[in-house]
């Protein structure tokens, strides 16, 4: 989706690390895209600074 720079998925751990431009994509938009693709998810951590 627009704004996502990189996405690394670890299927064994059921985790994804997503780097994105917060000016072009929001957590809500990414969550909606994830749900539309048939997946669920939650925010595990947010970088500080």
Protein backbone atom coordinates (compact mmCIF):
# COMPACT_ATOMS: atom_id res chain seq x y z
CA UNK A 1 0.00 0.00 0.00
CA UNK A 2 1.20 3.57 -0.51
CA UNK A 3 3.48 4.70 2.29
CA UNK A 4 4.85 1.27 3.20
CA UNK A 5 8.60 1.23 2.65
CA UNK A 6 9.41 -2.33 3.72
CA UNK A 7 7.62 -5.31 5.24
CA UNK A 8 9.37 -8.36 6.66
CA UNK A 9 7.15 -11.26 7.68
CA UNK A 10 8.11 -14.14 9.97
CA UNK A 11 5.39 -16.75 9.50
CA UNK A 12 6.78 -19.01 12.24
CA UNK A 13 6.49 -16.23 14.83
CA UNK A 14 3.35 -14.78 13.23
CA UNK A 15 4.99 -11.36 13.18
CA UNK A 16 5.62 -8.64 10.63
CA UNK A 17 7.99 -5.71 10.83
CA UNK A 18 6.70 -2.83 8.73
CA UNK A 19 8.55 0.39 7.98
CA UNK A 20 6.27 3.12 6.68
CA UNK A 21 5.92 6.84 6.06
CA UNK A 22 3.42 8.12 8.63
CA UNK A 23 2.58 11.02 6.30
CA UNK A 24 1.30 8.58 3.67
CA UNK A 25 -0.11 5.66 5.69
CA UNK A 26 -1.65 5.26 9.12
CA UNK A 27 -1.91 2.29 11.45
CA UNK A 28 -5.69 2.33 10.87
CA UNK A 29 -5.24 2.18 7.08
CA UNK A 30 -2.72 -0.66 7.35
CA UNK A 31 -4.99 -2.56 9.72
CA UNK A 32 -7.89 -2.19 7.27
CA UNK A 33 -5.71 -3.47 4.40
CA UNK A 34 -4.59 -6.40 6.56
CA UNK A 35 -8.21 -7.27 7.40
CA UNK A 36 -9.25 -6.94 3.75
CA UNK A 37 -6.54 -9.48 2.86
CA UNK A 38 -8.06 -11.90 5.39
CA UNK A 39 -5.62 -11.44 8.27
CA UNK A 40 -5.84 -9.95 11.74
CA UNK A 41 -3.17 -8.16 13.68
CA UNK A 42 -2.27 -5.81 16.46
CA UNK A 43 0.46 -3.31 17.15
CA UNK A 44 3.13 -4.95 19.27
CA UNK A 45 5.49 -2.00 19.64
CA UNK A 46 6.12 1.50 18.39
CA UNK A 47 9.60 2.99 17.98
CA UNK A 48 10.55 5.78 20.36
CA UNK A 49 11.98 9.02 19.11
